[in-house]
Amino acid sequence: MFQICLTVLTVPSTRNTVEIKVKMDCEGCERKVKKSVEGMKGVTQVDVERKASKLTVVGYVDPKKVVARVAHRTGKKVELWPYVPYDVVAHPYAPGVYDKKAPAGYVRNAEDPQVSHLARASSTEVRYTTAFSDENPAACSVM
């Protein structure tokens, strides 16, 4: 006669740090973004960097759910943090990697086939090209 339906909400068992890019112009936007995730189950810490347009959420949360919640509650365009420090990328100024809108010292994290053909010089090549350098007077004793 009566059916009981229970829905069980699962919380991830591992602690995650979710970094999200959200455009914030003023303190009101910052407050709205922060409040959108503060009450979320599993969230232990929320940090907002308005100048970098970055939201960092730490806790036992699913990254997809955090992105969906911020987008729904704020009505803003939200994406996972797409940037990495520029010294981590082999070619930071290659097309598709360099982004004018990126915060200082960051470039897009691109696993792009257009960029993969730009290979870094191997250590052997570097050794041969710097062997006869004017900057290293002790490199060559043949002359």
C-alpha atoms as a PDB file:
ATOM      1  CA  MET A   1       0.000   0.000   0.000  1.00  0.00           C
ATOM      2  CA  PHE A   2       2.536   2.570   1.083  1.00  0.00           C
ATOM      3  CA  GLN A   3       5.971   2.805  -0.426  1.00  0.00           C
ATOM      4  CA  ILE A   4       8.821   4.499   1.312  1.00  0.00           C
ATOM      5  CA  CYS A   5      11.445   5.978  -0.938  1.00  0.00           C
ATOM      6  CA  LEU A   6      14.754   7.052   0.547  1.00  0.00           C
ATOM      7  CA  THR A   7      17.422   8.897  -1.336  1.00  0.00           C
ATOM      8  CA  VAL A   8      20.886   8.653   0.042  1.00  0.00           C
ATOM      9  CA  LEU A   9      23.257  11.523  -0.618  1.00  0.00           C
ATOM     10  CA  THR A  10      26.789  10.351  -0.942  1.00  0.00           C
ATOM     11  CA  VAL A  11      29.734  12.503   0.014  1.00  0.00           C
ATOM     12  CA  PRO A  12      33.110  11.712  -1.588  1.00  0.00           C
ATOM     13  CA  SER A  13      35.435   9.973   0.843  1.00  0.00           C
ATOM     14  CA  THR A  14      38.484  11.938  -0.271  1.00  0.00           C
ATOM     15  CA  ARG A  15      39.177  15.562   0.486  1.00  0.00           C
ATOM     16  CA  ASN A  16      39.286  17.629  -2.703  1.00  0.00           C
ATOM     17  CA  THR A  17      40.471  21.104  -3.546  1.00  0.00           C
ATOM     18  CA  VAL A  18      38.309  22.511  -6.310  1.00  0.00           C
ATOM     19  CA  GLU A  19      39.503  25.650  -8.095  1.00  0.00           C
ATOM     20  CA  ILE A  20      36.933  27.484 -10.175  1.00  0.00           C
ATOM     21  CA  LYS A  21      37.065  30.489 -12.499  1.00  0.00           C
ATOM     22  CA  VAL A  22      34.153  32.885 -11.939  1.00  0.00           C
ATOM     23  CA  LYS A  23      34.101  36.502 -13.084  1.00  0.00           C
ATOM     24  CA  MET A  24      33.650  38.816 -10.114  1.00  0.00           C
ATOM     25  CA  ASP A  25      33.559  42.595 -10.516  1.00  0.00           C
ATOM     26  CA  CYS A  26      32.659  43.894  -7.062  1.00  0.00           C
ATOM     27  CA  GLU A  27      32.340  42.929  -3.406  1.00  0.00           C
ATOM     28  CA  GLY A  28      28.698  41.991  -3.987  1.00  0.00           C
ATOM     29  CA  CYS A  29      29.688  39.443  -6.625  1.00  0.00           C
ATOM     30  CA  GLU A  30      32.376  38.093  -4.332  1.00  0.00           C
ATOM     31  CA  ARG A  31      29.913  37.711  -1.460  1.00  0.00           C
ATOM     32  CA  LYS A  32      27.313  36.058  -3.726  1.00  0.00           C
ATOM     33  CA  VAL A  33      29.843  33.524  -5.043  1.00  0.00           C
ATOM     34  CA  LYS A  34      31.129  32.716  -1.562  1.00  0.00           C
ATOM     35  CA  LYS A  35      27.635  32.253  -0.110  1.00  0.00           C
ATOM     36  CA  SER A  36      26.654  29.964  -2.991  1.00  0.00           C
ATOM     37  CA  VAL A  37      28.964  27.201  -1.732  1.00  0.00           C
ATOM     38  CA  GLU A  38      29.336  27.903   2.002  1.00  0.00           C
ATOM     39  CA  GLY A  39      26.249  25.921   2.959  1.00  0.00           C
ATOM     40  CA  MET A  40      27.079  22.989   0.713  1.00  0.00           C
ATOM     41  CA  LYS A  41      27.457  19.626   2.423  1.00  0.00           C
ATOM     42  CA  GLY A  42      31.093  18.559   2.782  1.00  0.00           C
ATOM     43  CA  VAL A  43      32.622  22.033   2.309  1.00  0.00           C
ATOM     44  CA  THR A  44      35.236  22.867   4.946  1.00  0.00           C
ATOM     45  CA  GLN A  45      36.889  25.988   3.511  1.00  0.00           C
ATOM     46  CA  VAL A  46      36.042  28.631   0.901  1.00  0.00           C
ATOM     47  CA  ASP A  47      38.552  31.176  -0.443  1.00  0.00           C
ATOM     48  CA  VAL A  48      37.762  33.880  -2.987  1.00  0.00           C
ATOM     49  CA  GLU A  49      40.343  35.856  -4.968  1.00  0.00           C
ATOM     50  CA  ARG A  50      38.373  38.561  -6.755  1.00  0.00           C
ATOM     51  CA  LYS A  51      41.263  40.039  -8.763  1.00  0.00           C
ATOM     52  CA  ALA A  52      42.163  36.608 -10.161  1.00  0.00           C
ATOM     53  CA  SER A  53      38.460  35.625 -10.587  1.00  0.00           C
ATOM     54  CA  LYS A  54      39.204  32.470  -8.630  1.00  0.00           C
ATOM     55  CA  LEU A  55      37.132  30.491  -6.138  1.00  0.00           C
ATOM     56  CA  THR A  56      38.813  27.737  -4.124  1.00  0.00           C
ATOM     57  CA  VAL A  57      36.637  25.198  -2.305  1.00  0.00           C
ATOM     58  CA  VAL A  58      38.203  22.638   0.020  1.00  0.00           C
ATOM     59  CA  GLY A  59      36.292  19.701   1.416  1.00  0.00           C
ATOM     60  CA  TYR A  60      34.675  16.383   0.721  1.00  0.00           C
ATOM     61  CA  VAL A  61      32.892  17.557  -2.413  1.00  0.00           C
ATOM     62  CA  ASP A  62      32.447  16.538  -6.026  1.00  0.00           C
ATOM     63  CA  PRO A  63      33.982  19.143  -8.396  1.00  0.00           C
ATOM     64  CA  LYS A  64      31.128  18.815 -10.921  1.00  0.00           C
ATOM     65  CA  LYS A  65      28.531  19.487  -8.223  1.00  0.00           C
ATOM     66  CA  VAL A  66      30.413  22.540  -6.966  1.00  0.00           C
ATOM     67  CA  VAL A  67      30.598  24.004 -10.487  1.00  0.00           C
ATOM     68  CA  ALA A  68      26.913  23.289 -11.091  1.00  0.00           C
ATOM     69  CA  ARG A  69      25.878  24.842  -7.778  1.00  0.00           C
ATOM     70  CA  VAL A  70      27.877  28.044  -8.295  1.00  0.00           C
ATOM     71  CA  ALA A  71      26.513  28.409 -11.835  1.00  0.00           C
ATOM     72  CA  HIS A  72      22.937  27.824 -10.677  1.00  0.00           C
ATOM     73  CA  ARG A  73      23.049  30.048  -7.589  1.00  0.00           C
ATOM     74  CA  THR A  74      24.926  32.981  -9.127  1.00  0.00           C
ATOM     75  CA  GLY A  75      23.820  32.848 -12.759  1.00  0.00           C
ATOM     76  CA  LYS A  76      27.420  33.396 -13.848  1.00  0.00           C
ATOM     77  CA  LYS A  77      29.588  31.545 -16.341  1.00  0.00           C
ATOM     78  CA  VAL A  78      31.618  29.057 -14.313  1.00  0.00           C
ATOM     79  CA  GLU A  79      34.436  26.698 -15.307  1.00  0.00           C
ATOM     80  CA  LEU A  80      37.116  24.694 -13.562  1.00  0.00           C
ATOM     81  CA  TRP A  81      40.346  26.670 -13.137  1.00  0.00           C
ATOM     82  CA  PRO A  82      41.986  26.403 -16.589  1.00  0.00           C
ATOM     83  CA  TYR A  83      45.361  27.967 -15.732  1.00  0.00           C
ATOM     84  CA  VAL A  84      48.731  26.629 -14.608  1.00  0.00           C
ATOM     85  CA  PRO A  85      51.948  28.513 -13.792  1.00  0.00           C
ATOM     86  CA  TYR A  86      53.674  29.458 -17.041  1.00  0.00           C
ATOM     87  CA  ASP A  87      56.955  27.745 -16.085  1.00  0.00           C
ATOM     88  CA  VAL A  88      55.183  24.356 -15.973  1.00  0.00           C
ATOM     89  CA  VAL A  89      54.200  24.543 -19.651  1.00  0.00           C
ATOM     90  CA  ALA A  90      56.787  23.716 -22.314  1.00  0.00           C
ATOM     91  CA  HIS A  91      55.723  26.552 -24.642  1.00  0.00           C
ATOM     92  CA  PRO A  92      53.838  29.234 -22.705  1.00  0.00           C
ATOM     93  CA  TYR A  93      53.479  31.593 -25.672  1.00  0.00           C
ATOM     94  CA  ALA A  94      52.249  29.037 -28.222  1.00  0.00           C
ATOM     95  CA  PRO A  95      48.810  29.617 -29.773  1.00  0.00           C
ATOM     96  CA  GLY A  96      46.079  28.138 -27.601  1.00  0.00           C
ATOM     97  CA  VAL A  97      48.168  28.340 -24.436  1.00  0.00           C
ATOM     98  CA  TYR A  98      48.820  32.047 -24.007  1.00  0.00           C
ATOM     99  CA  ASP A  99      45.770  33.892 -22.722  1.00  0.00           C
ATOM    100  CA  LYS A 100      45.657  37.673 -22.249  1.00  0.00           C
ATOM    101  CA  LYS A 101      42.939  37.298 -19.624  1.00  0.00           C
ATOM    102  CA  ALA A 102      44.982  34.916 -17.461  1.00  0.00           C
ATOM    103  CA  PRO A 103      46.267  36.190 -14.116  1.00  0.00           C
ATOM    104  CA  ALA A 104      49.909  37.272 -13.993  1.00  0.00           C
ATOM    105  CA  GLY A 105      52.283  34.301 -14.183  1.00  0.00           C
ATOM    106  CA  TYR A 106      49.643  31.884 -15.502  1.00  0.00           C
ATOM    107  CA  VAL A 107      48.796  30.390 -18.908  1.00  0.00           C
ATOM    108  CA  ARG A 108      46.078  28.001 -20.062  1.00  0.00           C
ATOM    109  CA  ASN A 109      46.618  24.330 -19.365  1.00  0.00           C
ATOM    110  CA  ALA A 110      46.350  23.044 -22.928  1.00  0.00           C
ATOM    111  CA  GLU A 111      46.884  19.480 -24.002  1.00  0.00           C
ATOM    112  CA  ASP A 112      46.517  20.546 -27.603  1.00  0.00           C
ATOM    113  CA  PRO A 113      47.904  18.598 -30.579  1.00  0.00           C
ATOM    114  CA  GLN A 114      48.829  21.923 -32.215  1.00  0.00           C
ATOM    115  CA  VAL A 115      51.181  22.650 -29.323  1.00  0.00           C
ATOM    116  CA  SER A 116      52.610  19.124 -28.939  1.00  0.00           C
ATOM    117  CA  HIS A 117      54.603  19.400 -32.194  1.00  0.00           C
ATOM    118  CA  LEU A 118      56.639  22.185 -30.580  1.00  0.00           C
ATOM    119  CA  ALA A 119      59.212  20.047 -28.825  1.00  0.00           C
ATOM    120  CA  ARG A 120      61.684  21.296 -26.263  1.00  0.00           C
ATOM    121  CA  ALA A 121      65.370  20.895 -26.993  1.00  0.00           C
ATOM    122  CA  SER A 122      66.855  17.786 -25.415  1.00  0.00           C
ATOM    123  CA  SER A 123      69.690  18.085 -22.918  1.00  0.00           C
ATOM    124  CA  THR A 124      72.143  16.803 -25.560  1.00  0.00           C
ATOM    125  CA  GLU A 125      71.143  19.559 -27.968  1.00  0.00           C
ATOM    126  CA  VAL A 126      71.457  22.173 -25.255  1.00  0.00           C
ATOM    127  CA  ARG A 127      74.916  20.880 -24.329  1.00  0.00           C
ATOM    128  CA  TYR A 128      76.159  21.132 -27.932  1.00  0.00           C
ATOM    129  CA  THR A 129      74.694  24.563 -28.591  1.00  0.00           C
ATOM    130  CA  THR A 130      76.105  26.050 -25.391  1.00  0.00           C
ATOM    131  CA  ALA A 131      79.530  24.411 -25.735  1.00  0.00           C
ATOM    132  CA  PHE A 132      80.785  27.236 -27.953  1.00  0.00           C
ATOM    133  CA  SER A 133      78.955  30.045 -26.228  1.00  0.00           C
ATOM    134  CA  ASP A 134      80.607  33.400 -25.562  1.00  0.00           C
ATOM    135  CA  GLU A 135      78.903  33.444 -22.175  1.00  0.00           C
ATOM    136  CA  ASN A 136      80.879  30.392 -21.024  1.00  0.00           C
ATOM    137  CA  PRO A 137      84.612  31.106 -21.632  1.00  0.00           C
ATOM    138  CA  ALA A 138      85.754  27.779 -20.124  1.00  0.00           C
ATOM    139  CA  ALA A 139      83.486  25.696 -22.378  1.00  0.00           C
ATOM    140  CA  CYS A 140      85.858  25.264 -25.300  1.00  0.00           C
ATOM    141  CA  SER A 141      89.606  24.798 -25.007  1.00  0.00           C
ATOM    142  CA  VAL A 142      90.178  23.961 -28.707  1.00  0.00           C
ATOM    143  CA  MET A 143      90.630  27.587 -29.704  1.00  0.00           C
END
